[in-house]
Amino acid sequence: MNMMSQIASPELTLLVPVKDEEAAIPAFLATVVPILEALDDAAANSFEILFIDDGSSDATLGLIRDAAARDPRIRGLSLSRNFGKEAALTAGIDHARGQAVIPYDVDMQDPPSAIAPMLAKWREGHEVVVGVRQDRQSDGALKRWTASAYYRTHNALSKDKIPEHAGDFRLLDRKVVEVIKALPERNRFMKGLFGWAGFKTATVTYAREERENGSTKFGFWKLWTLALDGITSASTVPLRVWSYIGGLVAIGTLFYAAFIVIRTLVTGVDVPGYASIMVAVLFLGSIQLISLGILGEYVGRILTETKQRPLYVVAEEIGDSE
């Protein structure tokens, strides 16, 4: 009975979204479960690992079922199709039962040894403990540069700051989890929502490690789309800046028109050059298309919000259903 009570309301939930990770799950469980059991505190006997299967097409779901059958501390959610990592994280947060919740990637590039310092910070009174990557040498030079550029851009445009080189790996107190569960938007950028929630925050630094099992499911295009979602969900500056650009172009056009009138009055009528006309037309046309594209990004997100569709659909719950 005591064991069931601990499982029903664990102190810690490790939240693990997965998609086609049959190669990574066995090594993950073999590494992480002993680390959680070795914690020198109450969480050693009161934790759950919640897998969210985001539409896997391999043996991932079967491995989760087998693990849950062997260990009641392991649970799973199977989504009806691939909804994306942000939706999978949302599903996990909605179903997590721990007093502290840690989103965690199955690739273990964020080392599980950082969990204990996070719990220590939490017990000191911090409601959010952010994992910050001190060393990203395991990532390629291009990825490091683009990630750094994104964090700087996001923080320059948004009031909701996110620590540089911080991913989803962080500890969230139950109070923070309940706030995030109450947020209604469909276009979700979880790092931005974590930052928006506020609360007393601490950081834990660590060195990011190489991925040993499986392969990443986040290519360049998915990262680019995630970056767009992050900026457009956190700030309207991209919309506002085109008003300023349009105003500056209009002022420049007025000055140029005045110059043409004065030159014509002084020197007489001349035939405008074809090149200058084409440059002006192409420049203004490009400005208009770019501004319409940015406007379209926001309109598309408005359409998604007005549909009011659920963020995810759970096809199956695996493990203890209490």
Protein backbone atom coordinates (compact mmCIF):
# COMPACT_ATOMS: atom_id res chain seq x y z
CA MET A 1 0.00 0.00 0.00
CA ASN A 2 2.84 2.37 0.83
CA MET A 3 4.46 1.63 -2.55
CA MET A 4 1.20 2.36 -4.37
CA SER A 5 0.78 5.61 -2.45
CA GLN A 6 4.24 6.71 -3.49
CA ILE A 7 3.55 5.82 -7.12
CA ALA A 8 0.19 7.60 -7.13
CA SER A 9 1.74 10.85 -5.92
CA PRO A 10 5.50 10.69 -6.54
CA GLU A 11 7.88 13.43 -5.56
CA LEU A 12 9.56 13.50 -8.98
CA THR A 13 8.30 12.95 -12.53
CA LEU A 14 10.88 12.52 -15.27
CA LEU A 15 9.07 13.50 -18.45
CA VAL A 16 10.51 11.85 -21.58
CA PRO A 17 9.04 12.55 -25.06
CA VAL A 18 10.13 9.96 -27.62
CA LYS A 19 9.68 9.25 -31.32
CA ASP A 20 11.30 6.25 -33.00
CA GLU A 21 13.76 5.76 -30.14
CA GLU A 22 13.91 1.96 -29.91
CA ALA A 23 17.72 2.13 -29.95
CA ALA A 24 17.90 4.61 -27.06
CA ILE A 25 15.27 3.45 -24.56
CA PRO A 26 17.05 0.33 -23.16
CA ALA A 27 20.27 2.27 -22.50
CA PHE A 28 18.25 5.15 -21.05
CA LEU A 29 16.46 2.94 -18.53
CA ALA A 30 19.63 1.05 -17.64
CA THR A 31 21.37 4.35 -16.85
CA VAL A 32 18.67 6.60 -15.41
CA VAL A 33 16.71 4.24 -13.14
CA PRO A 34 19.76 3.36 -10.96
CA ILE A 35 20.66 7.07 -10.74
CA LEU A 36 17.16 7.92 -9.51
CA GLU A 37 17.19 5.00 -7.08
CA ALA A 38 20.55 6.14 -5.69
CA LEU A 39 19.35 9.64 -4.82
CA ASP A 40 20.01 10.26 -1.14
CA ASP A 41 16.57 11.69 -0.43
CA ALA A 42 12.87 10.87 -0.59
CA ALA A 43 12.86 10.96 -4.39
CA ALA A 44 14.92 7.76 -4.42
CA ASN A 45 11.76 5.81 -3.56
CA SER A 46 9.19 8.22 -4.97
CA PHE A 47 9.66 8.89 -8.65
CA GLU A 48 8.02 8.06 -11.94
CA ILE A 49 9.30 8.05 -15.50
CA LEU A 50 6.59 9.14 -17.93
CA PHE A 51 7.27 8.39 -21.59
CA ILE A 52 5.23 10.19 -24.25
CA ASP A 53 5.32 8.27 -27.52
CA ASP A 54 4.79 10.86 -30.24
CA GLY A 55 3.62 8.63 -33.06
CA SER A 56 6.57 6.24 -33.29
CA SER A 57 6.67 3.80 -36.21
CA ASP A 58 9.25 1.39 -34.72
CA ALA A 59 9.32 -0.74 -31.56
CA THR A 60 9.40 2.24 -29.17
CA LEU A 61 5.84 1.74 -27.89
CA GLY A 62 6.42 -1.96 -27.27
CA LEU A 63 9.53 -1.21 -25.24
CA ILE A 64 7.57 1.27 -23.11
CA ARG A 65 4.84 -1.33 -22.49
CA ASP A 66 7.44 -3.93 -21.47
CA ALA A 67 9.21 -1.50 -19.13
CA ALA A 68 5.91 -0.45 -17.50
CA ALA A 69 4.95 -4.10 -16.98
CA ARG A 70 8.23 -4.73 -15.14
CA ASP A 71 8.32 -1.52 -13.09
CA PRO A 72 5.20 0.31 -11.79
CA ARG A 73 7.23 3.51 -11.58
CA ILE A 74 7.29 3.65 -15.39
CA ARG A 75 4.26 4.97 -17.25
CA GLY A 76 3.55 5.89 -20.85
CA LEU A 77 1.24 7.89 -23.07
CA SER A 78 0.80 6.92 -26.70
CA LEU A 79 -0.38 9.79 -28.90
CA SER A 80 -2.60 8.93 -31.85
CA ARG A 81 -0.07 10.38 -34.33
CA ASN A 82 3.00 12.59 -34.44
CA PHE A 83 1.96 15.96 -32.98
CA GLY A 84 5.48 17.35 -32.48
CA LYS A 85 7.72 17.66 -29.44
CA GLU A 86 6.02 20.76 -28.01
CA ALA A 87 2.65 18.98 -28.01
CA ALA A 88 4.23 15.84 -26.53
CA LEU A 89 5.76 17.92 -23.73
CA THR A 90 2.36 19.49 -23.12
CA ALA A 91 0.75 16.05 -22.90
CA GLY A 92 3.40 14.97 -20.41
CA ILE A 93 2.96 18.06 -18.25
CA ASP A 94 -0.81 17.52 -18.25
CA HIS A 95 -0.40 13.93 -17.02
CA ALA A 96 2.64 14.27 -14.73
CA ARG A 97 1.87 13.60 -11.05
CA GLY A 98 5.14 14.57 -9.38
CA GLN A 99 5.63 17.50 -7.05
CA ALA A 100 8.66 18.28 -9.21
CA VAL A 101 8.64 17.66 -12.97
CA ILE A 102 11.75 17.43 -15.16
CA PRO A 103 11.40 17.28 -18.97
CA TYR A 104 14.25 15.14 -20.22
CA ASP A 105 15.50 13.88 -23.60
CA VAL A 106 16.02 10.17 -24.04
CA ASP A 107 19.38 10.73 -25.78
CA MET A 108 20.94 11.67 -22.39
CA GLN A 109 23.07 14.42 -23.92
CA ASP A 110 21.92 16.38 -20.89
CA PRO A 111 23.58 14.18 -18.25
CA PRO A 112 21.26 12.54 -15.69
CA SER A 113 23.85 13.34 -13.01
CA ALA A 114 22.48 16.92 -13.11
CA ILE A 115 19.14 15.76 -11.67
CA ALA A 116 20.44 15.56 -8.09
CA PRO A 117 21.73 19.19 -8.04
CA MET A 118 18.39 20.30 -9.49
CA LEU A 119 16.50 18.60 -6.68
CA ALA A 120 18.86 20.19 -4.15
CA LYS A 121 18.13 23.66 -5.55
CA TRP A 122 14.42 22.89 -5.49
CA ARG A 123 14.56 21.93 -1.82
CA GLU A 124 16.30 25.22 -1.10
CA GLY A 125 13.09 26.96 -2.22
CA HIS A 126 13.51 27.54 -5.96
CA GLU A 127 10.40 26.76 -8.02
CA VAL A 128 12.32 26.53 -11.32
CA VAL A 129 15.81 25.11 -11.79
CA VAL A 130 17.17 25.56 -15.31
CA GLY A 131 19.81 23.31 -16.80
CA VAL A 132 22.35 25.46 -18.69
CA ARG A 133 24.79 23.87 -21.12
CA GLN A 134 28.23 25.06 -20.13
CA ASP A 135 29.98 23.13 -22.88
CA ARG A 136 28.41 22.37 -26.28
CA GLN A 137 31.44 20.87 -27.99
CA SER A 138 29.35 17.80 -28.81
CA ASP A 139 27.35 20.00 -31.22
CA GLY A 140 28.73 21.08 -34.57
CA ALA A 141 30.11 24.58 -35.09
CA LEU A 142 27.12 25.62 -37.23
CA LYS A 143 24.60 24.41 -34.66
CA ARG A 144 26.44 26.19 -31.84
CA TRP A 145 26.51 29.43 -33.84
CA THR A 146 22.84 29.28 -34.87
CA ALA A 147 21.74 28.39 -31.33
CA SER A 148 23.66 31.32 -29.88
CA ALA A 149 22.24 33.66 -32.53
CA TYR A 150 18.71 32.44 -31.79
CA TYR A 151 18.95 32.97 -28.04
CA ARG A 152 20.28 36.50 -28.54
CA THR A 153 17.56 37.31 -31.07
CA HIS A 154 14.77 35.89 -28.91
CA ASN A 155 15.88 37.77 -25.81
CA ALA A 156 16.28 41.01 -27.78
CA LEU A 157 12.73 40.77 -29.15
CA SER A 158 10.84 39.25 -26.22
CA LYS A 159 10.11 40.37 -22.67
CA ASP A 160 10.10 36.70 -21.63
CA LYS A 161 13.82 36.01 -21.43
CA ILE A 162 15.23 32.50 -21.70
CA PRO A 163 18.74 31.70 -20.45
CA GLU A 164 21.26 31.23 -23.22
CA HIS A 165 22.11 27.60 -23.96
CA ALA A 166 19.16 26.32 -21.90
CA GLY A 167 16.94 23.66 -23.40
CA ASP A 168 13.81 21.97 -22.06
CA PHE A 169 15.87 20.22 -19.37
CA ARG A 170 14.81 21.93 -16.15
CA LEU A 171 12.95 21.25 -12.93
CA LEU A 172 9.47 22.70 -12.50
CA ASP A 173 7.70 22.85 -9.17
CA ARG A 174 4.08 21.70 -9.06
CA LYS A 175 2.96 25.36 -8.80
CA VAL A 176 4.70 26.14 -12.09
CA VAL A 177 3.27 23.02 -13.72
CA GLU A 178 -0.28 24.07 -12.81
CA VAL A 179 0.29 27.54 -14.30
CA ILE A 180 1.55 26.06 -17.58
CA LYS A 181 -1.35 23.59 -17.70
CA ALA A 182 -3.76 26.54 -17.53
CA LEU A 183 -2.28 28.30 -20.58
CA PRO A 184 -4.70 27.91 -23.51
CA GLU A 185 -2.62 28.66 -26.63
CA ARG A 186 -2.17 26.08 -29.38
CA ASN A 187 1.05 27.48 -30.87
CA ARG A 188 3.35 26.45 -28.07
CA PHE A 189 7.02 27.15 -27.56
CA MET A 190 7.66 25.48 -24.24
CA LYS A 191 10.92 27.23 -23.36
CA GLY A 192 9.12 30.54 -23.80
CA LEU A 193 6.18 29.39 -21.66
CA PHE A 194 8.56 28.23 -18.93
CA GLY A 195 10.17 31.67 -18.97
CA TRP A 196 6.81 33.47 -19.03
CA ALA A 197 5.62 31.63 -15.89
CA GLY A 198 8.31 33.31 -13.78
CA PHE A 199 8.78 32.13 -10.17
CA LYS A 200 12.03 31.91 -8.20
CA THR A 201 14.65 30.47 -10.54
CA ALA A 202 18.10 28.94 -10.14
CA THR A 203 20.49 27.37 -12.65
CA VAL A 204 22.59 24.21 -12.78
CA THR A 205 25.41 24.10 -15.33
CA TYR A 206 26.73 20.97 -17.01
CA ALA A 207 28.70 19.80 -20.04
CA ARG A 208 26.59 18.53 -22.91
CA GLU A 209 27.61 15.04 -23.99
CA GLU A 210 27.66 13.13 -27.27
CA ARG A 211 24.61 11.12 -28.23
CA GLU A 212 25.49 7.41 -28.04
CA ASN A 213 22.27 5.68 -29.13
CA GLY A 214 19.85 6.42 -31.95
CA SER A 215 19.83 9.59 -34.03
CA THR A 216 18.36 13.04 -33.62
CA LYS A 217 14.86 13.66 -35.01
CA PHE A 218 15.42 17.41 -35.21
CA GLY A 219 16.88 18.40 -38.56
CA PHE A 220 17.56 21.91 -39.76
CA TRP A 221 14.02 22.53 -41.01
CA LYS A 222 12.38 21.47 -37.71
CA LEU A 223 14.81 23.67 -35.77
CA TRP A 224 14.04 26.59 -38.11
CA THR A 225 10.29 26.09 -37.65
CA LEU A 226 10.74 25.89 -33.88
CA ALA A 227 12.73 29.13 -33.92
CA LEU A 228 9.95 30.88 -35.88
CA ASP A 229 7.36 29.56 -33.44
CA GLY A 230 9.45 30.80 -30.52
CA ILE A 231 9.83 34.34 -31.84
CA THR A 232 6.28 34.80 -33.13
CA SER A 233 4.71 33.35 -29.98
CA ALA A 234 6.76 35.56 -27.67
CA SER A 235 6.86 38.93 -29.46
CA THR A 236 5.04 41.22 -31.92
CA VAL A 237 8.23 43.16 -32.67
CA PRO A 238 8.63 41.53 -36.12
CA LEU A 239 5.25 43.03 -37.06
CA ARG A 240 6.00 46.42 -35.56
CA VAL A 241 9.41 46.76 -37.17
CA TRP A 242 7.92 46.71 -40.66
CA SER A 243 5.81 49.73 -39.78
CA TYR A 244 9.05 51.57 -39.01
CA ILE A 245 10.70 50.30 -42.19
CA GLY A 246 7.68 51.35 -44.23
CA GLY A 247 7.76 54.79 -42.65
CA LEU A 248 11.47 55.23 -43.37
CA VAL A 249 11.01 54.10 -46.99
CA ALA A 250 8.09 56.51 -47.40
CA ILE A 251 10.19 59.40 -46.02
CA GLY A 252 13.04 58.49 -48.33
CA THR A 253 10.63 58.38 -51.26
CA LEU A 254 9.35 61.87 -50.45
CA PHE A 255 12.89 63.25 -50.35
CA TYR A 256 13.71 61.54 -53.63
CA ALA A 257 10.53 62.93 -55.24
CA ALA A 258 11.46 66.43 -54.07
CA PHE A 259 14.94 65.97 -55.52
CA ILE A 260 13.47 64.94 -58.91
CA VAL A 261 11.12 67.96 -58.98
CA ILE A 262 13.92 70.40 -58.13
CA ARG A 263 16.31 68.82 -60.63
CA THR A 264 13.65 68.95 -63.35
CA LEU A 265 12.95 72.63 -62.65
CA VAL A 266 16.65 73.47 -62.74
CA THR A 267 17.99 71.30 -65.54
CA GLY A 268 14.86 70.47 -67.53
CA VAL A 269 13.11 67.14 -68.22
CA ASP A 270 15.29 64.10 -68.72
CA VAL A 271 14.47 60.48 -69.46
CA PRO A 272 14.71 58.30 -66.32
CA GLY A 273 17.11 55.39 -66.55
CA TYR A 274 15.72 51.88 -66.86
CA ALA A 275 18.16 50.50 -64.26
CA SER A 276 17.18 52.97 -61.55
CA ILE A 277 13.48 52.27 -62.12
CA MET A 278 14.00 48.51 -61.91
CA VAL A 279 16.09 48.82 -58.75
CA ALA A 280 13.41 50.93 -57.07
CA VAL A 281 10.56 48.63 -58.14
CA LEU A 282 12.38 45.44 -57.10
CA PHE A 283 13.47 46.93 -53.77
CA LEU A 284 10.00 48.09 -52.81
CA GLY A 285 8.46 44.84 -54.08
CA SER A 286 10.85 42.80 -51.94
CA ILE A 287 10.05 44.88 -48.86
CA GLN A 288 6.33 44.32 -49.43
CA LEU A 289 6.69 40.57 -49.93
CA ILE A 290 8.83 40.16 -46.81
CA SER A 291 6.38 42.18 -44.72
CA LEU A 292 3.44 40.17 -46.11
CA GLY A 293 5.27 36.95 -45.28
CA ILE A 294 5.78 37.99 -41.66
CA LEU A 295 2.16 39.13 -41.45
CA GLY A 296 1.14 35.75 -42.87
CA GLU A 297 3.05 33.94 -40.10
CA TYR A 298 0.98 35.73 -37.47
CA VAL A 299 -2.30 35.30 -39.38
CA GLY A 300 -1.60 31.57 -39.68
CA ARG A 301 -1.14 31.35 -35.93
CA ILE A 302 -4.38 33.25 -35.37
CA LEU A 303 -6.15 30.68 -37.58
CA THR A 304 -4.70 27.82 -35.53
CA GLU A 305 -5.84 29.44 -32.27
CA THR A 306 -9.39 30.09 -33.52
CA LYS A 307 -9.87 26.44 -34.54
CA GLN A 308 -9.63 25.44 -30.84
CA ARG A 309 -8.48 21.95 -31.71
CA PRO A 310 -6.85 19.89 -28.93
CA LEU A 311 -3.07 20.00 -28.83
CA TYR A 312 -2.81 16.21 -28.84
CA VAL A 313 -4.91 13.04 -28.76
CA VAL A 314 -4.00 10.21 -26.36
CA ALA A 315 -4.55 6.82 -27.95
CA GLU A 316 -3.37 4.74 -24.98
CA GLU A 317 -2.26 5.17 -21.37
CA ILE A 318 0.32 2.65 -20.25
CA GLY A 319 1.07 1.62 -16.68
CA ASP A 320 -0.61 2.56 -13.42
CA SER A 321 -3.88 4.36 -14.20
CA GLU A 322 -4.62 5.65 -10.69
